[in-house]
Structure formats: structure tokens, C-alpha cells
Amino acid sequence: MGLNMNVKMRKLGSARLQLLAVEALRGLRRFMGGREVIELLEREGLRVTQVDLSRYVNGSVLPSPERSLEILRALARANALGLALQRKLTIDERGVVNIAAVAHDMAVLGLAAARAYAELEDVGVDKVLTAAVNGVPLGTLVAHALGAGLCVARQDQDASAESYIEVRYFAPDPPRYAHLYLPSFALSRGDRVLIVDDLLRSGRTLRALSELTFLGGAKVVAVLSLLAMGEDWRSAVPRTASKVIVGLEVKGLQRAQGGL
């Protein structure tokens, strides 16, 4: 029974890997043509024919697990996520970035999940921690890609848990004290945690999520965000985080709609 279960789990892992690669290629095709995708992969040392790419994107053929891993690693080296974000982001006349446009785009989220797998699969992530609400779609796909649990911190308590871990922090716009609550059962002592957010800017949310992790007896091992603005957030990265993954650093803008 144990051997059969191990075989099934390996097959499940292989299937997840193959689907991640296909979804990443399909998502990238939303932002660039097939020839551009092929050239991008070739620059990273991976040759994929037009016929193979078409079959992968259409779902008629799945790349082998080994080929899938090569594709994911090539896309990570090329920062395909960042390229997609550059083409997806819109900035209005006031210099405001609409974060929601990317935080809920499934093609972008699929590329982010693929990036997380390529760079963090060997890190041993037990839980993915994010803050409601914009971080939830990204956190969900990344947790699924890594086969990890999902933890969501919220700004209020509800009846879903009897007790909570609480962190209070100052939010200046408008000036107030804000709270993040995480159900006490969400983290286990010794969990290795990946913090995920749609936007890193002031670092306040990142710092609060890191504190929740510490209070829960767990350890932050990595941070992943779609976007980053400015430099203030860097001081909030925990020393225990061995990797910080940012899809795109946006410079010279006034503000963003969404994120903290």
C-alpha cells in the first residue's frame, strides 16, 4: 500500500509539473506571438519547435515531466512573468497603476505560479501566507503549484476560528492603526513559509505577515510578489528569507491602486 501511494504521489507531482508548464506557455501566448515565445526560450538554451509549442498550448500534447521542468526554468531565467507584466500594466494620466488589473489576471497568475515552482520547488515550502484580498488569487495558485497549504490573513475576525494570532501596525493613508488576523490553526510550529503579495511598496504588510509567521512558530523562507515599487519594502524582508522573487519593479510612479 505504501509503495503504491508513493507511486501515485510521484505521478501527481509529474502531472502538476506538466500542467504548470502548459499553463505558463498558454499564458505567455496571451502577451506575445508564438515566434517571440520560441525565440525567448532559445535565448535561454531551450529549443522548442513551432509545432511543439502549438501542441502544448492547444493541450493536444503534454511535454514530458523533464521537458516541463526545462520550460519552467527557462521561463524563470527569462523573467517571462516580468515581460507579461510590462505588457499588461496600465498607467493613467496621474501616474497611477491599477494593480487589480494584474492581480486577477489568470494568465499573469499562471506565470507567477510557474515562476514559484521553478525557483522554490526545492526550498521545501509548507505554507503560503498572504493577505486578503488582492493576494488571495496569487496565493492560491502558488500554493497549488508548490503542493503547500494556504494561509490568509484578514483585517477582521470572523466565526471560522475560535482564536487568532493578531498583529497591529500603523497605516498612514488615512492615518490609523490596522490589524491583521490569522487563525491560530493556520500555522504549525516549524512550518516553512512563503509570503506572497501582489505588491511590495511600503513594506508594512510584509512586515506584519512576517510577524504573524514568527508568532505562529514558523519561519519565512521566501517572499514572492508580482510588483514592487520603490525601495522601502526591502528593509521589511526577513533575514530568514533565502529568496525574494519580484516579477517587475515599477519605478518613477506616484502611487498604485491596491496593495500596501
Protein backbone atom coordinates (compact mmCIF):
# COMPACT_ATOMS: atom_id res chain seq x y z
CA MET A 1 0.00 0.00 0.00
CA GLY A 2 2.78 2.42 0.93
CA LEU A 3 4.67 1.76 -2.34
CA ASN A 4 1.52 2.26 -4.42
CA MET A 5 0.81 5.53 -2.62
CA ASN A 6 4.35 6.77 -3.31
CA VAL A 7 3.94 5.94 -6.99
CA LYS A 8 0.62 7.79 -7.08
CA MET A 9 2.14 10.83 -5.39
CA ARG A 10 5.02 10.88 -7.88
CA LYS A 11 2.55 10.70 -10.75
CA LEU A 12 0.54 13.53 -9.21
CA GLY A 13 3.68 15.65 -8.92
CA SER A 14 4.60 14.94 -12.54
CA ALA A 15 1.10 15.82 -13.75
CA ARG A 16 1.16 19.08 -11.78
CA LEU A 17 4.53 19.95 -13.32
CA GLN A 18 3.32 19.24 -16.85
CA LEU A 19 0.16 21.31 -16.42
CA LEU A 20 2.14 24.19 -14.93
CA ALA A 21 4.38 24.29 -18.00
CA VAL A 22 1.42 24.18 -20.38
CA GLU A 23 -0.47 26.90 -18.49
CA ALA A 24 2.66 29.08 -18.39
CA LEU A 25 3.16 28.80 -22.15
CA ARG A 26 -0.52 29.40 -22.77
CA GLY A 27 -0.44 32.45 -20.52
CA LEU A 28 2.66 33.84 -22.19
CA ARG A 29 1.00 33.50 -25.59
CA ARG A 30 -1.58 36.00 -24.33
CA PHE A 31 1.13 38.63 -24.34
CA MET A 32 3.35 37.69 -27.28
CA GLY A 33 3.31 35.75 -30.51
CA GLY A 34 4.46 32.18 -30.96
CA ARG A 35 7.69 33.15 -32.72
CA GLU A 36 8.58 35.51 -29.86
CA VAL A 37 7.98 32.75 -27.30
CA ILE A 38 10.21 30.36 -29.25
CA GLU A 39 12.98 32.97 -29.53
CA LEU A 40 12.72 33.70 -25.80
CA LEU A 41 13.17 30.01 -24.98
CA GLU A 42 16.04 29.67 -27.45
CA ARG A 43 17.89 32.55 -25.79
CA GLU A 44 17.74 30.52 -22.61
CA GLY A 45 19.15 27.44 -24.34
CA LEU A 46 15.90 25.57 -24.92
CA ARG A 47 14.75 24.70 -28.43
CA VAL A 48 11.01 24.27 -28.98
CA THR A 49 9.58 23.97 -32.48
CA GLN A 50 6.54 25.90 -33.66
CA VAL A 51 4.66 22.60 -33.98
CA ASP A 52 5.50 21.53 -30.42
CA LEU A 53 4.58 24.93 -29.00
CA SER A 54 1.24 24.84 -30.78
CA ARG A 55 0.53 21.34 -29.46
CA TYR A 56 1.46 22.31 -25.91
CA VAL A 57 -0.64 25.48 -25.94
CA ASN A 58 -3.63 23.71 -27.51
CA GLY A 59 -3.35 20.90 -24.97
CA SER A 60 -3.19 18.14 -27.57
CA VAL A 61 0.23 17.05 -26.26
CA LEU A 62 1.77 17.44 -22.82
CA PRO A 63 5.53 17.93 -22.54
CA SER A 64 7.28 15.22 -20.56
CA PRO A 65 7.97 15.99 -16.88
CA GLU A 66 11.65 16.54 -17.71
CA ARG A 67 10.80 18.83 -20.63
CA SER A 68 8.25 20.66 -18.49
CA LEU A 69 10.87 21.44 -15.86
CA GLU A 70 13.23 22.72 -18.58
CA ILE A 71 10.46 25.00 -19.85
CA LEU A 72 9.67 26.37 -16.39
CA ARG A 73 13.32 27.04 -15.62
CA ALA A 74 13.87 28.75 -18.97
CA LEU A 75 10.83 30.98 -18.41
CA ALA A 76 12.11 31.84 -14.94
CA ARG A 77 15.58 32.78 -16.23
CA ALA A 78 14.00 34.97 -18.91
CA ASN A 79 11.63 36.54 -16.35
CA ALA A 80 8.64 35.79 -18.55
CA LEU A 81 6.45 36.96 -15.68
CA GLY A 82 8.05 40.40 -15.79
CA LEU A 83 7.66 40.62 -19.56
CA ALA A 84 3.96 39.80 -19.26
CA LEU A 85 3.50 42.36 -16.50
CA GLN A 86 5.18 45.06 -18.62
CA ARG A 87 2.64 44.45 -21.36
CA LYS A 88 -0.35 44.11 -19.04
CA LEU A 89 0.12 47.09 -16.72
CA THR A 90 -1.75 50.28 -17.50
CA ILE A 91 -0.87 53.68 -16.05
CA ASP A 92 -3.33 56.56 -16.10
CA GLU A 93 -2.56 60.24 -16.65
CA ARG A 94 -1.94 60.70 -12.90
CA GLY A 95 0.74 58.03 -12.90
CA VAL A 96 -1.46 55.55 -11.02
CA VAL A 97 -1.01 51.82 -11.63
CA ASN A 98 -4.16 49.72 -11.40
CA ILE A 99 -2.85 46.70 -9.50
CA ALA A 100 -6.17 44.85 -9.73
CA ALA A 101 -5.71 44.57 -13.50
CA VAL A 102 -2.82 42.15 -12.93
CA ALA A 103 -3.72 40.70 -9.52
CA HIS A 104 -6.77 38.98 -11.02
CA ASP A 105 -5.43 38.13 -14.48
CA MET A 106 -5.25 34.34 -14.76
CA ALA A 107 -2.52 34.39 -17.41
CA VAL A 108 -0.29 36.51 -15.17
CA LEU A 109 -1.10 34.38 -12.12
CA GLY A 110 -0.27 31.20 -14.04
CA LEU A 111 3.14 32.62 -14.96
CA ALA A 112 3.70 33.59 -11.33
CA ALA A 113 2.83 30.08 -10.14
CA ALA A 114 5.23 28.63 -12.72
CA ARG A 115 7.96 31.01 -11.54
CA ALA A 116 7.36 29.96 -7.94
CA TYR A 117 7.72 26.29 -8.83
CA ALA A 118 10.88 26.82 -10.86
CA GLU A 119 12.63 28.76 -8.09
CA LEU A 120 11.13 27.35 -4.90
CA GLU A 121 10.29 23.70 -5.52
CA ASP A 122 13.50 22.64 -3.75
CA VAL A 123 13.13 25.13 -0.88
CA GLY A 124 10.55 23.00 0.91
CA VAL A 125 7.64 25.41 1.38
CA ASP A 126 4.99 24.09 3.79
CA LYS A 127 2.62 27.06 3.81
CA VAL A 128 1.91 30.04 1.58
CA LEU A 129 0.84 33.11 3.58
CA THR A 130 -0.88 36.12 2.04
CA ALA A 131 -3.16 38.99 2.99
CA ALA A 132 -6.75 39.45 1.82
CA VAL A 133 -7.93 40.44 -0.65
CA ASN A 134 -5.74 41.05 -3.67
CA GLY A 135 -3.15 38.50 -2.58
CA VAL A 136 -5.61 35.60 -2.40
CA PRO A 137 -5.77 34.61 -6.11
CA LEU A 138 -1.97 34.67 -6.38
CA GLY A 139 -1.52 32.83 -3.09
CA THR A 140 -4.00 30.15 -4.12
CA LEU A 141 -2.31 29.32 -7.42
CA VAL A 142 1.19 29.42 -5.92
CA ALA A 143 0.16 27.15 -3.04
CA HIS A 144 -1.35 24.68 -5.51
CA ALA A 145 1.76 24.74 -7.69
CA LEU A 146 4.02 24.01 -4.71
CA GLY A 147 1.68 21.48 -3.10
CA ALA A 148 1.63 23.69 0.02
CA GLY A 149 -1.09 24.85 2.38
CA LEU A 150 -2.68 28.28 2.01
CA CYS A 151 -3.00 30.75 4.90
CA VAL A 152 -4.89 34.04 4.53
CA ALA A 153 -4.54 36.91 6.99
CA ARG A 154 -7.51 39.28 7.15
CA GLN A 155 -8.21 42.70 8.60
CA ASP A 156 -11.08 41.42 10.73
CA GLN A 157 -12.09 38.30 12.62
CA ASP A 158 -14.96 36.02 11.71
CA ALA A 159 -16.55 32.92 13.20
CA SER A 160 -14.38 30.48 11.23
CA ALA A 161 -11.85 30.18 14.06
CA GLU A 162 -12.05 30.24 17.85
CA SER A 163 -8.74 32.06 18.30
CA TYR A 164 -6.46 34.24 16.20
CA ILE A 165 -2.91 35.48 16.03
CA GLU A 166 -3.03 39.27 15.81
CA VAL A 167 -0.59 41.92 14.60
CA ARG A 168 -1.19 45.67 14.78
CA TYR A 169 0.63 48.12 12.52
CA PHE A 170 0.37 51.80 11.58
CA ALA A 171 -1.12 52.65 8.19
CA PRO A 172 -0.67 56.33 7.22
CA ASP A 173 -3.21 56.73 4.40
CA PRO A 174 -5.53 57.60 6.09
CA PRO A 175 -3.61 57.62 9.42
CA ARG A 176 -4.83 54.71 11.54
CA TYR A 177 -3.81 51.52 13.26
CA ALA A 178 -4.61 48.49 11.14
CA HIS A 179 -4.78 44.86 12.21
CA LEU A 180 -4.09 41.54 10.55
CA TYR A 181 -5.62 38.38 11.97
CA LEU A 182 -4.61 34.80 11.21
CA PRO A 183 -6.47 31.77 12.62
CA SER A 184 -4.33 30.08 15.27
CA PHE A 185 -4.61 26.73 13.50
CA ALA A 186 -3.24 28.09 10.19
CA LEU A 187 0.45 27.67 11.01
CA SER A 188 2.23 24.84 12.78
CA ARG A 189 5.46 25.18 14.70
CA GLY A 190 8.40 24.75 12.34
CA ASP A 191 6.44 25.44 9.14
CA ARG A 192 8.50 26.89 6.30
CA VAL A 193 6.52 29.83 4.94
CA LEU A 194 6.44 31.64 1.61
CA ILE A 195 4.92 35.13 1.91
CA VAL A 196 3.04 36.16 -1.22
CA ASP A 197 1.58 39.56 -2.13
CA ASP A 198 0.52 41.36 -5.27
CA LEU A 199 2.53 44.50 -4.46
CA LEU A 200 5.54 45.37 -2.30
CA ARG A 201 5.74 49.07 -1.58
CA SER A 202 5.99 50.39 1.99
CA GLY A 203 6.83 47.00 3.49
CA ARG A 204 4.16 47.32 6.20
CA THR A 205 2.11 44.34 5.05
CA LEU A 206 5.25 42.27 4.51
CA ARG A 207 6.50 43.15 8.00
CA ALA A 208 3.10 42.30 9.54
CA LEU A 209 2.91 38.95 7.73
CA SER A 210 6.45 38.15 8.86
CA GLU A 211 5.47 38.91 12.46
CA LEU A 212 2.42 36.66 12.18
CA THR A 213 4.69 33.89 10.93
CA PHE A 214 7.04 34.35 13.89
CA LEU A 215 4.16 34.40 16.40
CA GLY A 216 2.86 31.18 14.86
CA GLY A 217 6.19 29.46 15.49
CA ALA A 218 7.03 29.25 11.79
CA LYS A 219 9.83 30.61 9.60
CA VAL A 220 9.74 32.80 6.49
CA VAL A 221 11.92 31.14 3.85
CA ALA A 222 10.97 33.21 0.78
CA VAL A 223 8.96 36.18 -0.47
CA LEU A 224 7.17 36.46 -3.82
CA SER A 225 5.38 39.46 -5.32
CA LEU A 226 4.06 40.39 -8.72
CA LEU A 227 5.20 44.01 -8.43
CA ALA A 228 7.45 46.19 -6.31
CA MET A 229 7.54 49.98 -6.09
CA GLY A 230 10.39 51.97 -4.57
CA GLU A 231 12.93 50.68 -2.07
CA ASP A 232 11.19 50.97 1.32
CA TRP A 233 9.93 47.38 1.25
CA ARG A 234 13.44 45.91 1.15
CA SER A 235 14.08 46.62 4.83
CA ALA A 236 11.00 44.53 5.71
CA VAL A 237 12.31 41.32 4.11
CA PRO A 238 13.05 38.85 6.94
CA ARG A 239 16.65 37.74 7.29
CA THR A 240 15.48 34.13 7.18
CA ALA A 241 14.20 34.55 3.60
CA SER A 242 16.68 32.89 1.26
CA LYS A 243 14.87 34.07 -1.88
CA VAL A 244 12.96 37.19 -2.89
CA ILE A 245 11.13 36.94 -6.21
CA VAL A 246 9.64 40.06 -7.83
CA GLY A 247 8.05 39.89 -11.26
CA LEU A 248 8.52 43.56 -12.10
CA GLU A 249 9.96 46.55 -10.27
CA VAL A 250 7.99 49.65 -11.21
CA LYS A 251 9.88 52.92 -10.86
CA GLY A 252 9.00 56.60 -11.02
CA LEU A 253 5.26 56.29 -10.41
CA GLN A 254 3.10 58.24 -7.98
CA ARG A 255 1.00 55.52 -6.46
CA ALA A 256 -0.86 52.27 -7.04
CA GLN A 257 -4.47 51.25 -6.62
CA GLY A 258 -4.42 48.24 -4.32
CA GLY A 259 -1.65 46.70 -2.26
CA LEU A 260 0.03 48.05 0.87
